[in-house]
Amino acid sequence: MYNRIVRTTIEIKPEHRAKLLELAARRGEKGFSSVVAEAVEVYLAGNAGQERFRKRALRLRGTLPHNEARRLQQSSETLRGFWR
């Protein structure tokens, strides 16, 4: 795979831009492209982990006996009643 850099345009809030520039400056960098690239890498890695977890959880569908599943559902609904 090639390690090419592709230019793109994103829209961000002015306060986010300021914080990104500040972070880049603390790193001794002129712009904040590397900071954004790092943030995207971290986000994508975390998202991939969540997707693997979701798929694993879905594979468990139907593995609980019906009565246990119903009891768990009722307990969950009771707990949700205490949430704001």
PDB file of N, CA and C in Angstrom:
ATOM      1  N   MET A   1       0.840  -1.176   0.000  1.00  0.00           N
ATOM      2  CA  MET A   1       0.000   0.000   0.000  1.00  0.00           C
ATOM      3  C   MET A   1       0.885   1.240   0.000  1.00  0.00           C
ATOM      4  N   TYR A   2       0.442   2.239  -0.719  1.00  0.00           N
ATOM      5  CA  TYR A   2       1.193   3.481  -0.798  1.00  0.00           C
ATOM      6  C   TYR A   2       0.915   4.349   0.410  1.00  0.00           C
ATOM      7  N   ASN A   3       1.890   5.122   0.789  1.00  0.00           N
ATOM      8  CA  ASN A   3       1.757   6.021   1.932  1.00  0.00           C
ATOM      9  C   ASN A   3       1.584   7.450   1.434  1.00  0.00           C
ATOM     10  N   ARG A   4       0.647   7.634   0.518  1.00  0.00           N
ATOM     11  CA  ARG A   4       0.417   8.947  -0.072  1.00  0.00           C
ATOM     12  C   ARG A   4      -0.339   9.857   0.876  1.00  0.00           C
ATOM     13  N   ILE A   5      -0.129  11.130   0.701  1.00  0.00           N
ATOM     14  CA  ILE A   5      -0.868  12.141   1.445  1.00  0.00           C
ATOM     15  C   ILE A   5      -1.865  12.756   0.468  1.00  0.00           C
ATOM     16  N   VAL A   6      -3.097  12.914   0.911  1.00  0.00           N
ATOM     17  CA  VAL A   6      -4.144  13.490   0.081  1.00  0.00           C
ATOM     18  C   VAL A   6      -4.650  14.744   0.769  1.00  0.00           C
ATOM     19  N   ARG A   7      -4.699  15.820   0.035  1.00  0.00           N
ATOM     20  CA  ARG A   7      -5.247  17.061   0.586  1.00  0.00           C
ATOM     21  C   ARG A   7      -6.760  16.996   0.575  1.00  0.00           C
ATOM     22  N   THR A   8      -7.341  17.536   1.628  1.00  0.00           N
ATOM     23  CA  THR A   8      -8.803  17.611   1.696  1.00  0.00           C
ATOM     24  C   THR A   8      -9.181  18.838   2.509  1.00  0.00           C
ATOM     25  N   THR A   9     -10.435  19.171   2.480  1.00  0.00           N
ATOM     26  CA  THR A   9     -10.930  20.321   3.233  1.00  0.00           C
ATOM     27  C   THR A   9     -11.954  19.822   4.245  1.00  0.00           C
ATOM     28  N   ILE A  10     -11.832  20.291   5.466  1.00  0.00           N
ATOM     29  CA  ILE A  10     -12.822  19.984   6.488  1.00  0.00           C
ATOM     30  C   ILE A  10     -13.288  21.297   7.110  1.00  0.00           C
ATOM     31  N   GLU A  11     -14.457  21.262   7.681  1.00  0.00           N
ATOM     32  CA  GLU A  11     -14.968  22.437   8.382  1.00  0.00           C
ATOM     33  C   GLU A  11     -14.907  22.152   9.880  1.00  0.00           C
ATOM     34  N   ILE A  12     -14.273  23.055  10.614  1.00  0.00           N
ATOM     35  CA  ILE A  12     -14.169  22.913  12.061  1.00  0.00           C
ATOM     36  C   ILE A  12     -14.513  24.246  12.714  1.00  0.00           C
ATOM     37  N   LYS A  13     -14.837  24.167  13.981  1.00  0.00           N
ATOM     38  CA  LYS A  13     -15.154  25.372  14.737  1.00  0.00           C
ATOM     39  C   LYS A  13     -13.870  26.176  14.950  1.00  0.00           C
ATOM     40  N   PRO A  14     -13.989  27.495  14.992  1.00  0.00           N
ATOM     41  CA  PRO A  14     -12.797  28.327  15.219  1.00  0.00           C
ATOM     42  C   PRO A  14     -12.053  27.963  16.503  1.00  0.00           C
ATOM     43  N   GLU A  15     -12.808  27.622  17.560  1.00  0.00           N
ATOM     44  CA  GLU A  15     -12.139  27.282  18.822  1.00  0.00           C
ATOM     45  C   GLU A  15     -11.371  25.963  18.714  1.00  0.00           C
ATOM     46  N   HIS A  16     -11.860  25.035  17.891  1.00  0.00           N
ATOM     47  CA  HIS A  16     -11.126  23.786  17.667  1.00  0.00           C
ATOM     48  C   HIS A  16      -9.845  24.061  16.885  1.00  0.00           C
ATOM     49  N   ARG A  17      -9.957  24.917  15.878  1.00  0.00           N
ATOM     50  CA  ARG A  17      -8.771  25.287  15.087  1.00  0.00           C
ATOM     51  C   ARG A  17      -7.713  25.909  15.982  1.00  0.00           C
ATOM     52  N   ALA A  18      -8.139  26.784  16.871  1.00  0.00           N
ATOM     53  CA  ALA A  18      -7.193  27.445  17.778  1.00  0.00           C
ATOM     54  C   ALA A  18      -6.501  26.426  18.681  1.00  0.00           C
ATOM     55  N   LYS A  19      -7.270  25.494  19.204  1.00  0.00           N
ATOM     56  CA  LYS A  19      -6.681  24.473  20.082  1.00  0.00           C
ATOM     57  C   LYS A  19      -5.740  23.556  19.315  1.00  0.00           C
ATOM     58  N   LEU A  20      -6.095  23.230  18.073  1.00  0.00           N
ATOM     59  CA  LEU A  20      -5.209  22.397  17.251  1.00  0.00           C
ATOM     60  C   LEU A  20      -3.907  23.122  16.948  1.00  0.00           C
ATOM     61  N   LEU A  21      -4.004  24.397  16.619  1.00  0.00           N
ATOM     62  CA  LEU A  21      -2.790  25.184  16.360  1.00  0.00           C
ATOM     63  C   LEU A  21      -1.921  25.281  17.609  1.00  0.00           C
ATOM     64  N   GLU A  22      -2.560  25.443  18.758  1.00  0.00           N
ATOM     65  CA  GLU A  22      -1.827  25.509  20.025  1.00  0.00           C
ATOM     66  C   GLU A  22      -1.101  24.195  20.307  1.00  0.00           C
ATOM     67  N   LEU A  23      -1.794  23.091  20.109  1.00  0.00           N
ATOM     68  CA  LEU A  23      -1.181  21.783  20.329  1.00  0.00           C
ATOM     69  C   LEU A  23      -0.015  21.557  19.370  1.00  0.00           C
ATOM     70  N   ALA A  24      -0.216  21.910  18.105  1.00  0.00           N
ATOM     71  CA  ALA A  24       0.852  21.755  17.116  1.00  0.00           C
ATOM     72  C   ALA A  24       2.061  22.616  17.493  1.00  0.00           C
ATOM     73  N   ALA A  25       1.804  23.832  17.937  1.00  0.00           N
ATOM     74  CA  ALA A  25       2.900  24.727  18.327  1.00  0.00           C
ATOM     75  C   ALA A  25       3.686  24.145  19.494  1.00  0.00           C
ATOM     76  N   ARG A  26       2.991  23.550  20.457  1.00  0.00           N
ATOM     77  CA  ARG A  26       3.692  22.927  21.595  1.00  0.00           C
ATOM     78  C   ARG A  26       4.575  21.781  21.126  1.00  0.00           C
ATOM     79  N   ARG A  27       4.197  21.155  20.030  1.00  0.00           N
ATOM     80  CA  ARG A  27       5.000  20.067  19.464  1.00  0.00           C
ATOM     81  C   ARG A  27       6.112  20.595  18.560  1.00  0.00           C
ATOM     82  N   GLY A  28       6.111  21.894  18.335  1.00  0.00           N
ATOM     83  CA  GLY A  28       7.110  22.489  17.464  1.00  0.00           C
ATOM     84  C   GLY A  28       6.747  22.374  15.992  1.00  0.00           C
ATOM     85  N   GLU A  29       5.489  22.197  15.697  1.00  0.00           N
ATOM     86  CA  GLU A  29       5.031  22.071  14.310  1.00  0.00           C
ATOM     87  C   GLU A  29       4.365  23.361  13.870  1.00  0.00           C
ATOM     88  N   LYS A  30       4.483  23.641  12.592  1.00  0.00           N
ATOM     89  CA  LYS A  30       3.938  24.879  12.049  1.00  0.00           C
ATOM     90  C   LYS A  30       2.423  24.798  11.852  1.00  0.00           C
ATOM     91  N   GLY A  31       1.934  23.699  11.283  1.00  0.00           N
ATOM     92  CA  GLY A  31       0.506  23.510  11.048  1.00  0.00           C
ATOM     93  C   GLY A  31      -0.006  22.365  11.901  1.00  0.00           C
ATOM     94  N   PHE A  32      -1.298  22.092  11.783  1.00  0.00           N
ATOM     95  CA  PHE A  32      -1.877  21.057  12.631  1.00  0.00           C
ATOM     96  C   PHE A  32      -2.281  19.796  11.875  1.00  0.00           C
ATOM     97  N   SER A  33      -1.808  19.625  10.650  1.00  0.00           N
ATOM     98  CA  SER A  33      -2.165  18.437   9.867  1.00  0.00           C
ATOM     99  C   SER A  33      -1.777  17.141  10.569  1.00  0.00           C
ATOM    100  N   SER A  34      -0.601  17.097  11.154  1.00  0.00           N
ATOM    101  CA  SER A  34      -0.164  15.857  11.803  1.00  0.00           C
ATOM    102  C   SER A  34      -1.001  15.558  13.043  1.00  0.00           C
ATOM    103  N   VAL A  35      -1.462  16.612  13.727  1.00  0.00           N
ATOM    104  CA  VAL A  35      -2.308  16.421  14.907  1.00  0.00           C
ATOM    105  C   VAL A  35      -3.651  15.817  14.476  1.00  0.00           C
ATOM    106  N   VAL A  36      -4.225  16.356  13.403  1.00  0.00           N
ATOM    107  CA  VAL A  36      -5.493  15.844  12.892  1.00  0.00           C
ATOM    108  C   VAL A  36      -5.313  14.415  12.384  1.00  0.00           C
ATOM    109  N   ALA A  37      -4.226  14.148  11.670  1.00  0.00           N
ATOM    110  CA  ALA A  37      -3.966  12.803  11.159  1.00  0.00           C
ATOM    111  C   ALA A  37      -3.869  11.802  12.307  1.00  0.00           C
ATOM    112  N   GLU A  38      -3.188  12.188  13.366  1.00  0.00           N
ATOM    113  CA  GLU A  38      -3.071  11.312  14.542  1.00  0.00           C
ATOM    114  C   GLU A  38      -4.441  11.067  15.175  1.00  0.00           C
ATOM    115  N   ALA A  39      -5.245  12.114  15.286  1.00  0.00           N
ATOM    116  CA  ALA A  39      -6.587  11.981  15.870  1.00  0.00           C
ATOM    117  C   ALA A  39      -7.460  11.057  15.024  1.00  0.00           C
ATOM    118  N   VAL A  40      -7.351  11.159  13.711  1.00  0.00           N
ATOM    119  CA  VAL A  40      -8.126  10.290  12.824  1.00  0.00           C
ATOM    120  C   VAL A  40      -7.696   8.841  13.004  1.00  0.00           C
ATOM    121  N   GLU A  41      -6.385   8.597  13.088  1.00  0.00           N
ATOM    122  CA  GLU A  41      -5.882   7.237  13.302  1.00  0.00           C
ATOM    123  C   GLU A  41      -6.419   6.640  14.595  1.00  0.00           C
ATOM    124  N   VAL A  42      -6.386   7.417  15.668  1.00  0.00           N
ATOM    125  CA  VAL A  42      -6.867   6.941  16.966  1.00  0.00           C
ATOM    126  C   VAL A  42      -8.362   6.655  16.896  1.00  0.00           C
ATOM    127  N   TYR A  43      -9.118   7.551  16.277  1.00  0.00           N
ATOM    128  CA  TYR A  43     -10.565   7.363  16.157  1.00  0.00           C
ATOM    129  C   TYR A  43     -10.893   6.112  15.353  1.00  0.00           C
ATOM    130  N   LEU A  44     -10.247   5.950  14.218  1.00  0.00           N
ATOM    131  CA  LEU A  44     -10.524   4.791  13.367  1.00  0.00           C
ATOM    132  C   LEU A  44     -10.143   3.483  14.055  1.00  0.00           C
ATOM    133  N   ALA A  45      -9.042   3.478  14.779  1.00  0.00           N
ATOM    134  CA  ALA A  45      -8.631   2.268  15.504  1.00  0.00           C
ATOM    135  C   ALA A  45      -9.657   1.930  16.583  1.00  0.00           C
ATOM    136  N   GLY A  46     -10.135   2.934  17.303  1.00  0.00           N
ATOM    137  CA  GLY A  46     -11.143   2.705  18.329  1.00  0.00           C
ATOM    138  C   GLY A  46     -12.457   2.248  17.735  1.00  0.00           C
ATOM    139  N   ASN A  47     -12.820   2.832  16.603  1.00  0.00           N
ATOM    140  CA  ASN A  47     -14.061   2.457  15.941  1.00  0.00           C
ATOM    141  C   ASN A  47     -13.999   1.016  15.437  1.00  0.00           C
ATOM    142  N   ALA A  48     -12.847   0.612  14.938  1.00  0.00           N
ATOM    143  CA  ALA A  48     -12.682  -0.770  14.472  1.00  0.00           C
ATOM    144  C   ALA A  48     -12.833  -1.735  15.648  1.00  0.00           C
ATOM    145  N   GLY A  49     -12.297  -1.361  16.804  1.00  0.00           N
ATOM    146  CA  GLY A  49     -12.429  -2.187  17.995  1.00  0.00           C
ATOM    147  C   GLY A  49     -13.877  -2.313  18.427  1.00  0.00           C
ATOM    148  N   GLN A  50     -14.609  -1.208  18.356  1.00  0.00           N
ATOM    149  CA  GLN A  50     -16.024  -1.237  18.717  1.00  0.00           C
ATOM    150  C   GLN A  50     -16.815  -2.109  17.749  1.00  0.00           C
ATOM    151  N   GLU A  51     -16.468  -2.051  16.476  1.00  0.00           N
ATOM    152  CA  GLU A  51     -17.166  -2.867  15.474  1.00  0.00           C
ATOM    153  C   GLU A  51     -16.918  -4.349  15.719  1.00  0.00           C
ATOM    154  N   ARG A  52     -15.690  -4.710  16.058  1.00  0.00           N
ATOM    155  CA  ARG A  52     -15.393  -6.117  16.376  1.00  0.00           C
ATOM    156  C   ARG A  52     -16.190  -6.568  17.598  1.00  0.00           C
ATOM    157  N   PHE A  53     -16.274  -5.705  18.610  1.00  0.00           N
ATOM    158  CA  PHE A  53     -17.017  -6.024  19.822  1.00  0.00           C
ATOM    159  C   PHE A  53     -18.503  -6.204  19.507  1.00  0.00           C
ATOM    160  N   ARG A  54     -19.050  -5.310  18.658  1.00  0.00           N
ATOM    161  CA  ARG A  54     -20.461  -5.385  18.288  1.00  0.00           C
ATOM    162  C   ARG A  54     -20.761  -6.677  17.549  1.00  0.00           C
ATOM    163  N   LYS A  55     -19.902  -7.046  16.595  1.00  0.00           N
ATOM    164  CA  LYS A  55     -20.102  -8.280  15.837  1.00  0.00           C
ATOM    165  C   LYS A  55     -20.023  -9.504  16.758  1.00  0.00           C
ATOM    166  N   ARG A  56     -19.097  -9.461  17.689  1.00  0.00           N
ATOM    167  CA  ARG A  56     -18.956 -10.575  18.639  1.00  0.00           C
ATOM    168  C   ARG A  56     -20.210 -10.694  19.502  1.00  0.00           C
ATOM    169  N   ALA A  57     -20.719  -9.564  19.952  1.00  0.00           N
ATOM    170  CA  ALA A  57     -21.932  -9.572  20.774  1.00  0.00           C
ATOM    171  C   ALA A  57     -23.124 -10.089  19.968  1.00  0.00           C
ATOM    172  N   LEU A  58     -23.224  -9.698  18.703  1.00  0.00           N
ATOM    173  CA  LEU A  58     -24.341 -10.157  17.874  1.00  0.00           C
ATOM    174  C   LEU A  58     -24.291 -11.660  17.632  1.00  0.00           C
ATOM    175  N   ARG A  59     -23.093 -12.236  17.593  1.00  0.00           N
ATOM    176  CA  ARG A  59     -22.977 -13.685  17.420  1.00  0.00           C
ATOM    177  C   ARG A  59     -23.557 -14.441  18.608  1.00  0.00           C
ATOM    178  N   LEU A  60     -23.659 -13.770  19.749  1.00  0.00           N
ATOM    179  CA  LEU A  60     -24.209 -14.401  20.947  1.00  0.00           C
ATOM    180  C   LEU A  60     -25.737 -14.404  20.965  1.00  0.00           C
ATOM    181  N   ARG A  61     -26.331 -13.699  20.004  1.00  0.00           N
ATOM    182  CA  ARG A  61     -27.791 -13.626  19.957  1.00  0.00           C
ATOM    183  C   ARG A  61     -28.394 -15.030  19.931  1.00  0.00           C
ATOM    184  N   GLY A  62     -29.352 -15.239  20.818  1.00  0.00           N
ATOM    185  CA  GLY A  62     -30.042 -16.521  20.853  1.00  0.00           C
ATOM    186  C   GLY A  62     -29.365 -17.588  21.685  1.00  0.00           C
ATOM    187  N   THR A  63     -28.259 -17.272  22.342  1.00  0.00           N
ATOM    188  CA  THR A  63     -27.551 -18.295  23.110  1.00  0.00           C
ATOM    189  C   THR A  63     -28.079 -18.436  24.538  1.00  0.00           C
ATOM    190  N   LEU A  64     -28.831 -17.443  25.028  1.00  0.00           N
ATOM    191  CA  LEU A  64     -29.437 -17.556  26.357  1.00  0.00           C
ATOM    192  C   LEU A  64     -30.772 -18.279  26.235  1.00  0.00           C
ATOM    193  N   PRO A  65     -31.078 -19.124  27.199  1.00  0.00           N
ATOM    194  CA  PRO A  65     -32.424 -19.711  27.218  1.00  0.00           C
ATOM    195  C   PRO A  65     -33.461 -18.587  27.344  1.00  0.00           C
ATOM    196  N   HIS A  66     -34.641 -18.806  26.790  1.00  0.00           N
ATOM    197  CA  HIS A  66     -35.672 -17.771  26.729  1.00  0.00           C
ATOM    198  C   HIS A  66     -35.981 -17.179  28.114  1.00  0.00           C
ATOM    199  N   ASN A  67     -36.127 -18.021  29.134  1.00  0.00           N
ATOM    200  CA  ASN A  67     -36.481 -17.508  30.466  1.00  0.00           C
ATOM    201  C   ASN A  67     -35.374 -16.630  31.044  1.00  0.00           C
ATOM    202  N   GLU A  68     -34.112 -16.978  30.801  1.00  0.00           N
ATOM    203  CA  GLU A  68     -32.995 -16.155  31.288  1.00  0.00           C
ATOM    204  C   GLU A  68     -32.929 -14.840  30.525  1.00  0.00           C
ATOM    205  N   ALA A  69     -33.170 -14.918  29.227  1.00  0.00           N
ATOM    206  CA  ALA A  69     -33.163 -13.707  28.411  1.00  0.00           C
ATOM    207  C   ALA A  69     -34.258 -12.746  28.873  1.00  0.00           C
ATOM    208  N   ARG A  70     -35.425 -13.260  29.142  1.00  0.00           N
ATOM    209  CA  ARG A  70     -36.545 -12.426  29.602  1.00  0.00           C
ATOM    210  C   ARG A  70     -36.226 -11.806  30.968  1.00  0.00           C
ATOM    211  N   ARG A  71     -35.640 -12.587  31.873  1.00  0.00           N
ATOM    212  CA  ARG A  71     -35.270 -12.076  33.197  1.00  0.00           C
ATOM    213  C   ARG A  71     -34.230 -10.965  33.071  1.00  0.00           C
ATOM    214  N   LEU A  72     -33.256 -11.143  32.196  1.00  0.00           N
ATOM    215  CA  LEU A  72     -32.236 -10.124  31.964  1.00  0.00           C
ATOM    216  C   LEU A  72     -32.864  -8.860  31.382  1.00  0.00           C
ATOM    217  N   GLN A  73     -33.782  -9.034  30.455  1.00  0.00           N
ATOM    218  CA  GLN A  73     -34.456  -7.886  29.855  1.00  0.00           C
ATOM    219  C   GLN A  73     -35.244  -7.115  30.913  1.00  0.00           C
ATOM    220  N   GLN A  74     -35.954  -7.819  31.779  1.00  0.00           N
ATOM    221  CA  GLN A  74     -36.728  -7.163  32.835  1.00  0.00           C
ATOM    222  C   GLN A  74     -35.808  -6.420  33.805  1.00  0.00           C
ATOM    223  N   SER A  75     -34.687  -7.022  34.150  1.00  0.00           N
ATOM    224  CA  SER A  75     -33.724  -6.360  35.043  1.00  0.00           C
ATOM    225  C   SER A  75     -33.175  -5.092  34.406  1.00  0.00           C
ATOM    226  N   SER A  76     -32.881  -5.176  33.124  1.00  0.00           N
ATOM    227  CA  SER A  76     -32.357  -4.008  32.401  1.00  0.00           C
ATOM    228  C   SER A  76     -33.377  -2.883  32.372  1.00  0.00           C
ATOM    229  N   GLU A  77     -34.627  -3.247  32.110  1.00  0.00           N
ATOM    230  CA  GLU A  77     -35.689  -2.245  32.065  1.00  0.00           C
ATOM    231  C   GLU A  77     -35.888  -1.599  33.433  1.00  0.00           C
ATOM    232  N   THR A  78     -35.772  -2.369  34.495  1.00  0.00           N
ATOM    233  CA  THR A  78     -35.889  -1.830  35.857  1.00  0.00           C
ATOM    234  C   THR A  78     -34.759  -0.846  36.115  1.00  0.00           C
ATOM    235  N   LEU A  79     -33.523  -1.234  35.762  1.00  0.00           N
ATOM    236  CA  LEU A  79     -32.372  -0.338  35.957  1.00  0.00           C
ATOM    237  C   LEU A  79     -32.517   0.941  35.150  1.00  0.00           C
ATOM    238  N   ARG A  80     -33.000   0.838  33.929  1.00  0.00           N
ATOM    239  CA  ARG A  80     -33.178   2.030  33.085  1.00  0.00           C
ATOM    240  C   ARG A  80     -34.191   2.987  33.694  1.00  0.00           C
ATOM    241  N   GLY A  81     -35.126   2.461  34.469  1.00  0.00           N
ATOM    242  CA  GLY A  81     -36.102   3.316  35.143  1.00  0.00           C
ATOM    243  C   GLY A  81     -35.473   4.273  36.141  1.00  0.00           C
ATOM    244  N   PHE A  82     -34.289   3.928  36.635  1.00  0.00           N
ATOM    245  CA  PHE A  82     -33.589   4.785  37.594  1.00  0.00           C
ATOM    246  C   PHE A  82     -32.699   5.830  36.905  1.00  0.00           C
ATOM    247  N   TRP A  83     -32.501   5.710  35.594  1.00  0.00           N
ATOM    248  CA  TRP A  83     -31.681   6.684  34.860  1.00  0.00           C
ATOM    249  C   TRP A  83     -32.446   7.970  34.716  1.00  0.00           C
ATOM    250  N   ARG A  84     -31.716   9.026  34.592  1.00  0.00           N
ATOM    251  CA  ARG A  84     -32.356  10.330  34.381  1.00  0.00           C
ATOM    252  C   ARG A  84     -32.916  10.422  32.992  1.00  0.00           C
TER     253      ARG A  84
END
